[in-house]
Amino acid sequence: MPGARSAGGAIVPANAQVSASRSSVAARLTWLSWSALLLQQAADAWLHQAPWFIWVMKLLPLLLFLPGMLKDNLRSFIWLCFVCLGYFLILVQRIFAQPDNLLVIGGLLAVVVLFIAAMLYVRWRARELREPDAPRTGSGD
């Protein structure tokens, strides 16, 4: 299968290019949904005039992963997926209590997209990082 030349002049296999584009889309979607969830949680705390410790409880779990995400540490993205489940549980409870609240609906949408995008990013990025070291054998996707 023919490949294309990278910026360094090396020929990159076509499947590596597809994988790179998939992971970059997943990364952008992860950052977008992470930002949306952070803003939703801050807006929710602000609208309910929450005390400072509630602000900390709502925002700190998301902010803890920021340094690792900026360094492209895949473990940070994996742990972010676990933390998303807590936000998901809380937002599902809130959606049943306030089904017409657009802020809660937006938060639920953001956390679902964040979980899926971060999970896919970890999968695709790990595959990209592994590809140059060892030839792929197996069924593939």
Protein backbone atom coordinates (compact mmCIF):
# COMPACT_ATOMS: atom_id res chain seq x y z
CA MET A 1 0.00 0.00 0.00
CA PRO A 2 1.55 3.33 -0.95
CA GLY A 3 2.24 5.91 1.71
CA ALA A 4 2.90 9.61 1.76
CA ARG A 5 6.00 11.51 2.72
CA SER A 6 6.05 13.11 6.16
CA ALA A 7 7.61 16.50 6.90
CA GLY A 8 10.95 14.75 7.53
CA GLY A 9 10.84 13.04 4.15
CA ALA A 10 10.20 9.54 5.48
CA ILE A 11 7.46 7.48 3.90
CA VAL A 12 4.60 6.99 6.32
CA PRO A 13 2.21 4.07 5.75
CA ALA A 14 -1.33 5.09 4.85
CA ASN A 15 -2.81 3.29 7.87
CA ALA A 16 -0.52 5.32 10.19
CA GLN A 17 -1.87 8.51 8.64
CA VAL A 18 -5.45 7.40 9.20
CA SER A 19 -4.61 6.45 12.78
CA ALA A 20 -2.94 9.82 13.35
CA SER A 21 -5.93 11.71 11.99
CA ARG A 22 -8.33 9.64 14.12
CA SER A 23 -6.34 10.28 17.27
CA SER A 24 -6.06 14.00 16.57
CA VAL A 25 -9.83 14.26 16.08
CA ALA A 26 -10.38 12.30 19.30
CA ALA A 27 -7.90 14.56 21.12
CA ARG A 28 -9.67 17.71 19.95
CA LEU A 29 -13.04 16.27 20.91
CA THR A 30 -11.65 15.28 24.31
CA TRP A 31 -10.38 18.79 24.98
CA LEU A 32 -13.62 20.36 23.76
CA SER A 33 -15.83 18.15 25.92
CA TRP A 34 -13.48 18.48 28.92
CA SER A 35 -13.77 22.27 28.62
CA ALA A 36 -17.54 22.07 28.22
CA LEU A 37 -17.88 19.88 31.32
CA LEU A 38 -15.61 22.18 33.33
CA LEU A 39 -17.64 25.23 32.27
CA GLN A 40 -20.92 23.43 32.97
CA GLN A 41 -19.79 22.51 36.47
CA ALA A 42 -18.59 26.08 37.14
CA ALA A 43 -21.85 27.56 35.81
CA ASP A 44 -23.86 25.14 37.93
CA ALA A 45 -21.94 26.11 41.07
CA TRP A 46 -22.27 29.80 40.23
CA LEU A 47 -26.04 29.58 39.58
CA HIS A 48 -26.62 27.78 42.86
CA GLN A 49 -24.35 30.21 44.74
CA ALA A 50 -22.35 27.30 46.07
CA PRO A 51 -19.75 27.86 48.79
CA TRP A 52 -16.07 27.54 47.92
CA PHE A 53 -15.70 23.92 49.02
CA ILE A 54 -18.48 22.85 46.63
CA TRP A 55 -16.63 24.66 43.84
CA VAL A 56 -13.51 22.70 44.78
CA MET A 57 -15.43 19.39 44.85
CA LYS A 58 -16.94 20.09 41.42
CA LEU A 59 -13.87 21.39 39.60
CA LEU A 60 -10.80 19.87 41.26
CA PRO A 61 -11.31 16.32 39.92
CA LEU A 62 -11.27 17.67 36.37
CA LEU A 63 -8.40 20.08 36.97
CA LEU A 64 -6.18 17.38 38.50
CA PHE A 65 -5.76 15.81 35.07
CA LEU A 66 -4.84 19.01 33.26
CA PRO A 67 -1.03 18.72 33.66
CA GLY A 68 -1.02 15.11 32.45
CA MET A 69 -3.33 15.90 29.56
CA LEU A 70 -1.09 18.78 28.49
CA LYS A 71 1.90 16.40 28.52
CA ASP A 72 -0.10 13.84 26.49
CA ASN A 73 0.19 11.29 29.30
CA LEU A 74 -2.18 8.49 28.32
CA ARG A 75 -2.53 7.39 31.95
CA SER A 76 -4.08 10.77 32.75
CA PHE A 77 -6.66 10.24 30.01
CA ILE A 78 -7.41 6.75 31.34
CA TRP A 79 -7.96 8.03 34.87
CA LEU A 80 -10.04 10.88 33.48
CA CYS A 81 -12.38 8.25 32.03
CA PHE A 82 -12.82 6.75 35.51
CA VAL A 83 -13.56 10.16 37.02
CA CYS A 84 -16.07 10.84 34.24
CA LEU A 85 -18.16 7.98 35.56
CA GLY A 86 -18.69 9.87 38.83
CA TYR A 87 -19.82 12.98 36.96
CA PHE A 88 -22.05 10.76 34.83
CA LEU A 89 -23.77 9.26 37.90
CA ILE A 90 -24.41 12.67 39.42
CA LEU A 91 -25.70 14.15 36.17
CA VAL A 92 -28.02 11.20 35.47
CA GLN A 93 -29.57 11.69 38.91
CA ARG A 94 -29.94 15.41 38.21
CA ILE A 95 -31.53 14.81 34.78
CA PHE A 96 -34.29 12.78 36.44
CA ALA A 97 -34.84 15.54 39.01
CA GLN A 98 -34.66 18.40 36.48
CA PRO A 99 -35.46 17.00 33.01
CA ASP A 100 -35.92 20.45 31.43
CA ASN A 101 -32.69 21.99 32.75
CA LEU A 102 -30.50 22.72 29.71
CA LEU A 103 -27.40 23.12 31.86
CA VAL A 104 -27.77 19.57 33.19
CA ILE A 105 -28.52 18.21 29.70
CA GLY A 106 -25.40 19.95 28.37
CA GLY A 107 -23.30 18.55 31.20
CA LEU A 108 -24.58 15.03 30.60
CA LEU A 109 -23.85 15.33 26.89
CA ALA A 110 -20.37 16.70 27.63
CA VAL A 111 -19.48 13.90 30.04
CA VAL A 112 -20.66 11.18 27.63
CA VAL A 113 -18.69 12.70 24.75
CA LEU A 114 -15.67 13.17 27.04
CA PHE A 115 -15.69 9.54 28.12
CA ILE A 116 -16.01 8.18 24.59
CA ALA A 117 -13.51 10.60 23.02
CA ALA A 118 -10.89 10.09 25.75
CA MET A 119 -11.28 6.31 25.57
CA LEU A 120 -10.86 6.31 21.79
CA TYR A 121 -7.95 8.73 22.01
CA VAL A 122 -6.10 6.44 24.40
CA ARG A 123 -6.71 3.45 22.15
CA TRP A 124 -5.65 5.15 18.92
CA ARG A 125 -2.75 7.14 20.39
CA ALA A 126 -1.31 4.07 22.13
CA ARG A 127 -1.45 2.22 18.83
CA GLU A 128 0.37 5.12 17.12
CA LEU A 129 3.08 5.11 19.75
CA ARG A 130 3.49 1.35 19.45
CA GLU A 131 3.51 1.12 15.63
CA PRO A 132 7.08 2.26 14.87
CA ASP A 133 8.56 -0.19 17.40
CA ALA A 134 6.96 -3.43 16.31
CA PRO A 135 5.25 -4.61 13.14
CA ARG A 136 1.55 -5.23 13.63
CA THR A 137 0.33 -8.76 13.42
CA GLY A 138 -3.21 -9.68 14.19
CA SER A 139 -6.71 -9.12 13.02
CA GLY A 140 -6.66 -5.29 13.02
CA ASP A 141 -9.69 -3.01 13.19
